[in-house]
Amino acid sequence: MMTLTESDIQRFWSFVERTGPGDCWLWRGGGPRNRYGNFSVGPRALSKTHLAHRISYQLAYGPTNLQVCHSCDNPRCVNPAHLFAGTQKDNRLDCKRKNRTAKGQQHGRVVLTENEVTRIVELNRRGHSAAEIARRLLRKPTTVYNVVKGKSWSWFTGYTSG
């Protein structure tokens, strides 16, 4: 929990571009290291940097030990009406519900291309086993098996696990 002085609070809001109550209030202060805004609290020599949206949440609702998540999906937004406290799981579920998860070739750990997945599905529909397809495409059998069983790429192939 951070303790904010009246001076900290006034300085904090001076970095916020407030528009309508339902709009995103954009953080215009520091934060070049990541997409989220940063705000330093305390005397310069002893200051500690906090995420701007966490400070906004604390000012509106009080401190929390949970993550502060954005319902608007805008990392620079500090409008308390757009913020909610939740666990990492809550945040991931919110992300999934809004279809914001990286899929397919946009995912950072992608192994297959969309063309390869299409080829796997095609070969499987022609009766080839996952092991045969893996040998043919020079891929790991588990990678191909996961596509065939709908454990990966199900959104693309229409397969579902089960």
C-alpha atoms as a PDB file:
ATOM      1  CA  MET A   1       0.000   0.000   0.000  1.00  0.00           C
ATOM      2  CA  MET A   2       1.286   3.449  -0.830  1.00  0.00           C
ATOM      3  CA  THR A   3       0.645   6.573   1.168  1.00  0.00           C
ATOM      4  CA  LEU A   4      -0.187   9.606  -0.911  1.00  0.00           C
ATOM      5  CA  THR A   5       0.021  13.199   0.259  1.00  0.00           C
ATOM      6  CA  GLU A   6      -2.376  15.871  -1.013  1.00  0.00           C
ATOM      7  CA  SER A   7       0.531  17.175  -3.070  1.00  0.00           C
ATOM      8  CA  ASP A   8       1.041  13.708  -4.636  1.00  0.00           C
ATOM      9  CA  ILE A   9      -2.662  13.486  -5.458  1.00  0.00           C
ATOM     10  CA  GLN A  10      -2.770  16.930  -7.090  1.00  0.00           C
ATOM     11  CA  ARG A  11       0.402  16.167  -9.051  1.00  0.00           C
ATOM     12  CA  PHE A  12      -1.023  12.791 -10.117  1.00  0.00           C
ATOM     13  CA  TRP A  13      -4.233  14.278 -11.539  1.00  0.00           C
ATOM     14  CA  SER A  14      -2.230  16.983 -13.350  1.00  0.00           C
ATOM     15  CA  PHE A  15      -0.894  14.215 -15.634  1.00  0.00           C
ATOM     16  CA  VAL A  16      -4.369  12.930 -16.522  1.00  0.00           C
ATOM     17  CA  GLU A  17      -6.304  14.005 -19.599  1.00  0.00           C
ATOM     18  CA  ARG A  18      -9.895  13.759 -18.378  1.00  0.00           C
ATOM     19  CA  THR A  19     -12.743  13.791 -20.853  1.00  0.00           C
ATOM     20  CA  GLY A  20     -16.262  12.461 -20.310  1.00  0.00           C
ATOM     21  CA  PRO A  21     -17.031  10.168 -17.357  1.00  0.00           C
ATOM     22  CA  GLY A  22     -17.408   7.119 -19.610  1.00  0.00           C
ATOM     23  CA  ASP A  23     -14.310   7.864 -21.699  1.00  0.00           C
ATOM     24  CA  CYS A  24     -10.773   6.689 -21.113  1.00  0.00           C
ATOM     25  CA  TRP A  25      -8.816   9.186 -19.033  1.00  0.00           C
ATOM     26  CA  LEU A  26      -5.355   9.039 -20.533  1.00  0.00           C
ATOM     27  CA  TRP A  27      -2.180   9.139 -18.490  1.00  0.00           C
ATOM     28  CA  ARG A  28       0.120  11.764 -20.008  1.00  0.00           C
ATOM     29  CA  GLY A  29       2.931  11.362 -17.493  1.00  0.00           C
ATOM     30  CA  GLY A  30       5.919   9.065 -17.523  1.00  0.00           C
ATOM     31  CA  GLY A  31       6.004   5.464 -18.556  1.00  0.00           C
ATOM     32  CA  PRO A  32       8.345   4.914 -21.487  1.00  0.00           C
ATOM     33  CA  ARG A  33       9.509   1.498 -20.241  1.00  0.00           C
ATOM     34  CA  ASN A  34       6.171  -0.146 -20.848  1.00  0.00           C
ATOM     35  CA  ARG A  35       2.726   0.667 -22.176  1.00  0.00           C
ATOM     36  CA  TYR A  36       1.438   1.529 -18.692  1.00  0.00           C
ATOM     37  CA  GLY A  37       1.894   4.887 -17.038  1.00  0.00           C
ATOM     38  CA  ASN A  38       4.265   5.319 -14.102  1.00  0.00           C
ATOM     39  CA  PHE A  39       4.082   7.775 -11.235  1.00  0.00           C
ATOM     40  CA  SER A  40       6.687   8.419  -8.531  1.00  0.00           C
ATOM     41  CA  VAL A  41       5.506   8.910  -4.958  1.00  0.00           C
ATOM     42  CA  GLY A  42       7.518  10.465  -2.151  1.00  0.00           C
ATOM     43  CA  PRO A  43      10.544  12.746  -1.881  1.00  0.00           C
ATOM     44  CA  ARG A  44      12.917  12.498  -4.859  1.00  0.00           C
ATOM     45  CA  ALA A  45      15.719  10.700  -3.055  1.00  0.00           C
ATOM     46  CA  LEU A  46      13.299   8.129  -1.589  1.00  0.00           C
ATOM     47  CA  SER A  47      10.633   8.038  -4.265  1.00  0.00           C
ATOM     48  CA  LYS A  48       9.071   4.786  -5.386  1.00  0.00           C
ATOM     49  CA  THR A  49       7.487   4.322  -8.814  1.00  0.00           C
ATOM     50  CA  HIS A  50       3.981   2.875  -9.080  1.00  0.00           C
ATOM     51  CA  LEU A  51       1.714   2.073 -11.997  1.00  0.00           C
ATOM     52  CA  ALA A  52      -0.568   5.050 -12.616  1.00  0.00           C
ATOM     53  CA  HIS A  53      -3.727   2.969 -12.961  1.00  0.00           C
ATOM     54  CA  ARG A  54      -3.052   1.366  -9.536  1.00  0.00           C
ATOM     55  CA  ILE A  55      -2.867   4.811  -7.955  1.00  0.00           C
ATOM     56  CA  SER A  56      -6.112   5.844  -9.635  1.00  0.00           C
ATOM     57  CA  TYR A  57      -7.787   2.665  -8.382  1.00  0.00           C
ATOM     58  CA  GLN A  58      -6.522   3.262  -4.833  1.00  0.00           C
ATOM     59  CA  LEU A  59      -7.737   6.862  -4.851  1.00  0.00           C
ATOM     60  CA  ALA A  60     -11.220   5.774  -5.930  1.00  0.00           C
ATOM     61  CA  TYR A  61     -11.711   2.455  -4.124  1.00  0.00           C
ATOM     62  CA  GLY A  62      -8.912   2.035  -1.605  1.00  0.00           C
ATOM     63  CA  PRO A  63      -5.860  -0.199  -1.635  1.00  0.00           C
ATOM     64  CA  THR A  64      -5.922  -3.753  -2.996  1.00  0.00           C
ATOM     65  CA  ASN A  65      -3.506  -6.668  -3.005  1.00  0.00           C
ATOM     66  CA  LEU A  66      -4.998  -7.892  -6.280  1.00  0.00           C
ATOM     67  CA  GLN A  67      -4.035  -6.841  -9.780  1.00  0.00           C
ATOM     68  CA  VAL A  68      -5.738  -3.741 -11.147  1.00  0.00           C
ATOM     69  CA  CYS A  69      -7.168  -4.605 -14.553  1.00  0.00           C
ATOM     70  CA  HIS A  70      -8.608  -2.471 -17.368  1.00  0.00           C
ATOM     71  CA  SER A  71     -12.132  -3.208 -18.595  1.00  0.00           C
ATOM     72  CA  CYS A  72     -11.417  -0.826 -21.503  1.00  0.00           C
ATOM     73  CA  ASP A  73      -8.182  -2.619 -22.491  1.00  0.00           C
ATOM     74  CA  ASN A  74      -6.325   0.697 -22.719  1.00  0.00           C
ATOM     75  CA  PRO A  75      -3.081   0.464 -20.684  1.00  0.00           C
ATOM     76  CA  ARG A  76      -2.763   4.282 -20.422  1.00  0.00           C
ATOM     77  CA  CYS A  77      -6.312   4.693 -19.051  1.00  0.00           C
ATOM     78  CA  VAL A  78      -6.639   5.734 -15.408  1.00  0.00           C
ATOM     79  CA  ASN A  79     -10.417   6.278 -15.298  1.00  0.00           C
ATOM     80  CA  PRO A  80     -11.471   4.468 -12.083  1.00  0.00           C
ATOM     81  CA  ALA A  81     -14.734   3.453 -13.777  1.00  0.00           C
ATOM     82  CA  HIS A  82     -12.647   1.390 -16.235  1.00  0.00           C
ATOM     83  CA  LEU A  83     -10.594  -0.374 -13.559  1.00  0.00           C
ATOM     84  CA  PHE A  84     -11.322  -3.499 -11.537  1.00  0.00           C
ATOM     85  CA  ALA A  85      -9.388  -5.559  -9.032  1.00  0.00           C
ATOM     86  CA  GLY A  86      -8.859  -9.196  -9.871  1.00  0.00           C
ATOM     87  CA  THR A  87      -6.486 -12.112 -10.023  1.00  0.00           C
ATOM     88  CA  GLN A  88      -4.281 -13.024 -12.967  1.00  0.00           C
ATOM     89  CA  LYS A  89      -6.909 -15.646 -13.828  1.00  0.00           C
ATOM     90  CA  ASP A  90      -9.661 -12.971 -13.813  1.00  0.00           C
ATOM     91  CA  ASN A  91      -7.551 -10.827 -16.141  1.00  0.00           C
ATOM     92  CA  ARG A  92      -6.893 -13.734 -18.543  1.00  0.00           C
ATOM     93  CA  LEU A  93     -10.595 -14.678 -18.583  1.00  0.00           C
ATOM     94  CA  ASP A  94     -11.484 -11.054 -19.370  1.00  0.00           C
ATOM     95  CA  CYS A  95      -8.917 -11.119 -22.167  1.00  0.00           C
ATOM     96  CA  LYS A  96     -10.275 -14.382 -23.567  1.00  0.00           C
ATOM     97  CA  ARG A  97     -13.907 -13.196 -23.319  1.00  0.00           C
ATOM     98  CA  LYS A  98     -12.969 -10.187 -25.449  1.00  0.00           C
ATOM     99  CA  ASN A  99     -11.055 -12.340 -27.931  1.00  0.00           C
ATOM    100  CA  ARG A 100      -7.802 -10.458 -27.264  1.00  0.00           C
ATOM    101  CA  THR A 101      -5.552 -13.483 -26.849  1.00  0.00           C
ATOM    102  CA  ALA A 102      -2.749 -13.933 -29.350  1.00  0.00           C
ATOM    103  CA  LYS A 103      -3.603 -16.784 -31.670  1.00  0.00           C
ATOM    104  CA  GLY A 104      -1.885 -18.601 -34.459  1.00  0.00           C
ATOM    105  CA  GLN A 105       1.034 -16.863 -36.054  1.00  0.00           C
ATOM    106  CA  GLN A 106       0.597 -13.799 -33.803  1.00  0.00           C
ATOM    107  CA  HIS A 107       1.418 -15.901 -30.734  1.00  0.00           C
ATOM    108  CA  GLY A 108       4.992 -15.495 -29.501  1.00  0.00           C
ATOM    109  CA  ARG A 109       5.582 -19.247 -29.227  1.00  0.00           C
ATOM    110  CA  VAL A 110       4.039 -20.321 -32.513  1.00  0.00           C
ATOM    111  CA  VAL A 111       5.432 -23.524 -34.025  1.00  0.00           C
ATOM    112  CA  LEU A 112       3.187 -24.002 -37.054  1.00  0.00           C
ATOM    113  CA  THR A 113       2.044 -21.684 -39.803  1.00  0.00           C
ATOM    114  CA  GLU A 114      -1.587 -21.469 -40.890  1.00  0.00           C
ATOM    115  CA  ASN A 115      -0.624 -23.238 -44.120  1.00  0.00           C
ATOM    116  CA  GLU A 116       0.874 -26.133 -42.154  1.00  0.00           C
ATOM    117  CA  VAL A 117      -2.225 -26.395 -39.973  1.00  0.00           C
ATOM    118  CA  THR A 118      -4.429 -26.450 -43.072  1.00  0.00           C
ATOM    119  CA  ARG A 119      -2.232 -29.209 -44.518  1.00  0.00           C
ATOM    120  CA  ILE A 120      -2.409 -31.219 -41.260  1.00  0.00           C
ATOM    121  CA  VAL A 121      -6.209 -31.019 -41.243  1.00  0.00           C
ATOM    122  CA  GLU A 122      -6.350 -31.967 -44.933  1.00  0.00           C
ATOM    123  CA  LEU A 123      -4.102 -35.006 -44.472  1.00  0.00           C
ATOM    124  CA  ASN A 124      -5.981 -36.097 -41.360  1.00  0.00           C
ATOM    125  CA  ARG A 125      -9.319 -35.902 -43.190  1.00  0.00           C
ATOM    126  CA  ARG A 126      -7.805 -38.138 -45.886  1.00  0.00           C
ATOM    127  CA  GLY A 127      -7.129 -40.756 -43.210  1.00  0.00           C
ATOM    128  CA  HIS A 128      -3.479 -40.150 -42.348  1.00  0.00           C
ATOM    129  CA  SER A 129      -2.534 -40.593 -38.673  1.00  0.00           C
ATOM    130  CA  ALA A 130      -0.902 -37.839 -36.649  1.00  0.00           C
ATOM    131  CA  ALA A 131       2.348 -39.830 -36.621  1.00  0.00           C
ATOM    132  CA  GLU A 132       2.327 -40.173 -40.421  1.00  0.00           C
ATOM    133  CA  ILE A 133       1.596 -36.475 -40.877  1.00  0.00           C
ATOM    134  CA  ALA A 134       4.363 -35.521 -38.433  1.00  0.00           C
ATOM    135  CA  ARG A 135       6.906 -37.619 -40.349  1.00  0.00           C
ATOM    136  CA  ARG A 136       5.750 -36.178 -43.651  1.00  0.00           C
ATOM    137  CA  LEU A 137       5.889 -32.532 -42.466  1.00  0.00           C
ATOM    138  CA  LEU A 138       8.990 -32.976 -40.289  1.00  0.00           C
ATOM    139  CA  ARG A 139       7.151 -31.916 -37.155  1.00  0.00           C
ATOM    140  CA  LYS A 140       6.926 -33.424 -33.673  1.00  0.00           C
ATOM    141  CA  PRO A 141       4.115 -35.965 -33.381  1.00  0.00           C
ATOM    142  CA  THR A 142       2.667 -34.175 -30.314  1.00  0.00           C
ATOM    143  CA  THR A 143       2.465 -30.904 -32.273  1.00  0.00           C
ATOM    144  CA  VAL A 144       0.452 -32.570 -35.036  1.00  0.00           C
ATOM    145  CA  TYR A 145      -1.597 -34.630 -32.557  1.00  0.00           C
ATOM    146  CA  ASN A 146      -2.621 -31.442 -30.698  1.00  0.00           C
ATOM    147  CA  VAL A 147      -3.947 -29.937 -33.942  1.00  0.00           C
ATOM    148  CA  VAL A 148      -5.780 -33.133 -34.929  1.00  0.00           C
ATOM    149  CA  LYS A 149      -7.379 -33.451 -31.464  1.00  0.00           C
ATOM    150  CA  GLY A 150      -8.309 -29.755 -31.253  1.00  0.00           C
ATOM    151  CA  LYS A 151      -5.982 -28.990 -28.341  1.00  0.00           C
ATOM    152  CA  SER A 152      -4.308 -26.282 -30.395  1.00  0.00           C
ATOM    153  CA  TRP A 153      -5.523 -24.219 -33.350  1.00  0.00           C
ATOM    154  CA  SER A 154      -9.157 -25.311 -32.691  1.00  0.00           C
ATOM    155  CA  TRP A 155     -10.380 -21.766 -33.407  1.00  0.00           C
ATOM    156  CA  PHE A 156      -8.772 -22.068 -36.863  1.00  0.00           C
ATOM    157  CA  THR A 157      -9.580 -25.655 -37.758  1.00  0.00           C
ATOM    158  CA  GLY A 158     -13.048 -25.950 -36.230  1.00  0.00           C
ATOM    159  CA  TYR A 159     -11.879 -29.036 -34.328  1.00  0.00           C
ATOM    160  CA  THR A 160     -12.634 -29.161 -30.640  1.00  0.00           C
ATOM    161  CA  SER A 161     -10.917 -31.330 -28.079  1.00  0.00           C
ATOM    162  CA  GLY A 162     -12.764 -34.249 -26.707  1.00  0.00           C
END
